[in-house]
Amino acid sequence: MRVTKNEDPRNAKQFVTVEKNIPWETIVTESCTYWMVAKIFRANLAMCSRLVLLIWMKGYKLIAETAPKLDPGEREYRFRNPVDKNGLVVLLKDIIGQLKKDERIPHGEIRSALTK
């Protein structure tokens, strides 16, 4: 079996090969996606399985869904629904921080959108 992190193993140049009846394990410290595909008849590859691991210990911060996309700037996020003002502030600050980091929306437009 081929195993990759955040990339489809059928097209990946780097992957871990796991032999039959030999356990494979890894330590997960961040939200990520592991992809697995079994090798059949030496060269052919079977259907790919995706395992999404989410670390919810980040409070109300965004958790990136790291799946391969056509545009590397595209991301999907999961988050806990805030239940109080502090949780809402943490979530909004994290959203704004990600927008600034991506540099897809000018900082002035972000500020303008929040003051309306």
Protein backbone atom coordinates (compact mmCIF):
# COMPACT_ATOMS: atom_id res chain seq x y z
CA MET A 1 0.00 0.00 0.00
CA ARG A 2 1.15 3.57 -0.68
CA VAL A 3 0.49 6.20 2.00
CA THR A 4 0.88 9.95 1.57
CA LYS A 5 0.07 12.99 3.64
CA ASN A 6 -2.08 15.68 1.97
CA GLU A 7 -1.47 14.32 -1.54
CA ASP A 8 -3.05 11.67 -3.77
CA PRO A 9 -0.64 8.68 -3.69
CA ARG A 10 -1.44 7.68 -7.27
CA ASN A 11 0.34 10.79 -8.53
CA ALA A 12 2.73 11.53 -5.65
CA LYS A 13 6.46 11.43 -6.15
CA GLN A 14 7.05 10.83 -2.45
CA PHE A 15 5.12 8.23 -0.49
CA VAL A 16 5.53 5.59 2.19
CA THR A 17 5.25 1.98 1.08
CA VAL A 18 3.55 -0.28 3.62
CA GLU A 19 4.01 -4.01 3.12
CA LYS A 20 1.27 -6.54 3.74
CA ASN A 21 0.94 -7.65 7.40
CA ILE A 22 3.43 -5.01 8.59
CA PRO A 23 1.83 -2.32 10.76
CA TRP A 24 2.40 1.33 9.91
CA GLU A 25 1.91 4.12 12.40
CA THR A 26 2.62 7.80 12.67
CA ILE A 27 2.21 10.52 15.27
CA VAL A 28 -0.31 13.17 14.26
CA THR A 29 0.29 16.62 15.75
CA GLU A 30 -1.77 18.74 13.34
CA SER A 31 -4.93 18.38 11.32
CA CYS A 32 -4.14 16.67 8.04
CA THR A 33 -5.33 14.20 5.45
CA TYR A 34 -3.72 10.81 4.86
CA TRP A 35 -4.31 9.07 1.54
CA MET A 36 -3.93 5.33 1.03
CA VAL A 37 -4.06 3.21 -2.10
CA ALA A 38 -3.39 -0.51 -2.44
CA LYS A 39 -1.11 -1.81 -5.15
CA ILE A 40 -2.63 -4.64 -7.17
CA PHE A 41 -0.70 -6.81 -9.62
CA ARG A 42 2.58 -4.92 -9.20
CA ALA A 43 1.95 -1.73 -11.23
CA ASN A 44 -1.80 -1.09 -11.15
CA LEU A 45 -3.30 0.90 -8.30
CA ALA A 46 -6.71 0.35 -6.74
CA MET A 47 -9.22 2.88 -5.44
CA CYS A 48 -7.78 5.55 -3.17
CA SER A 49 -9.02 6.02 0.42
CA ARG A 50 -8.85 9.35 2.26
CA LEU A 51 -8.60 9.69 6.03
CA VAL A 52 -9.10 13.19 7.43
CA LEU A 53 -7.70 13.77 10.92
CA LEU A 54 -8.83 16.86 12.78
CA ILE A 55 -7.19 18.16 15.92
CA TRP A 56 -9.92 19.95 17.89
CA MET A 57 -7.65 21.15 20.69
CA LYS A 58 -7.23 24.55 19.01
CA GLY A 59 -10.25 26.05 20.73
CA TYR A 60 -12.17 28.22 18.30
CA LYS A 61 -9.38 28.67 15.74
CA LEU A 62 -9.78 27.59 12.14
CA ILE A 63 -8.74 24.07 11.17
CA ALA A 64 -7.57 23.86 7.57
CA GLU A 65 -8.90 21.03 5.44
CA THR A 66 -5.72 20.02 3.67
CA ALA A 67 -6.78 18.24 0.53
CA PRO A 68 -5.16 18.56 -2.88
CA LYS A 69 -6.72 21.31 -4.95
CA LEU A 70 -6.08 22.76 -8.38
CA ASP A 71 -5.30 26.15 -6.86
CA PRO A 72 -2.95 25.96 -3.85
CA GLY A 73 -4.47 29.18 -2.49
CA GLU A 74 -7.88 27.53 -2.08
CA ARG A 75 -8.60 26.14 1.36
CA GLU A 76 -11.57 24.87 3.24
CA TYR A 77 -11.76 25.31 7.00
CA ARG A 78 -13.67 23.75 9.86
CA PHE A 79 -14.25 25.50 13.14
CA ARG A 80 -16.15 25.12 16.37
CA ASN A 81 -19.20 27.32 16.58
CA PRO A 82 -18.43 29.95 19.23
CA VAL A 83 -20.73 29.91 22.24
CA ASP A 84 -19.51 33.15 23.82
CA LYS A 85 -17.89 36.49 22.99
CA ASN A 86 -14.34 35.26 23.66
CA GLY A 87 -14.76 32.31 21.29
CA LEU A 88 -16.16 34.63 18.61
CA VAL A 89 -13.20 37.02 18.99
CA VAL A 90 -10.69 34.15 18.66
CA LEU A 91 -12.44 32.83 15.55
CA LEU A 92 -12.74 36.24 13.86
CA LYS A 93 -9.09 37.10 14.60
CA ASP A 94 -8.00 33.79 13.12
CA ILE A 95 -10.11 34.34 9.98
CA ILE A 96 -8.64 37.83 9.55
CA GLY A 97 -5.12 36.50 10.14
CA GLN A 98 -5.57 33.84 7.46
CA LEU A 99 -6.94 36.41 5.00
CA LYS A 100 -3.96 38.69 5.61
CA LYS A 101 -1.52 35.80 5.26
CA ASP A 102 -3.08 34.67 1.95
CA GLU A 103 -2.88 38.25 0.60
CA ARG A 104 -5.87 37.65 -1.67
CA ILE A 105 -7.95 40.48 -0.21
CA PRO A 106 -6.24 43.83 0.46
CA HIS A 107 -5.99 44.71 4.18
CA GLY A 108 -8.10 47.86 3.68
CA GLU A 109 -10.95 45.84 2.18
CA ILE A 110 -10.87 43.41 5.11
CA ARG A 111 -11.12 46.30 7.60
CA SER A 112 -13.89 47.93 5.53
CA ALA A 113 -15.92 44.71 5.44
CA LEU A 114 -15.78 44.40 9.23
CA THR A 115 -16.87 47.96 9.92
CA LYS A 116 -20.03 47.81 7.80
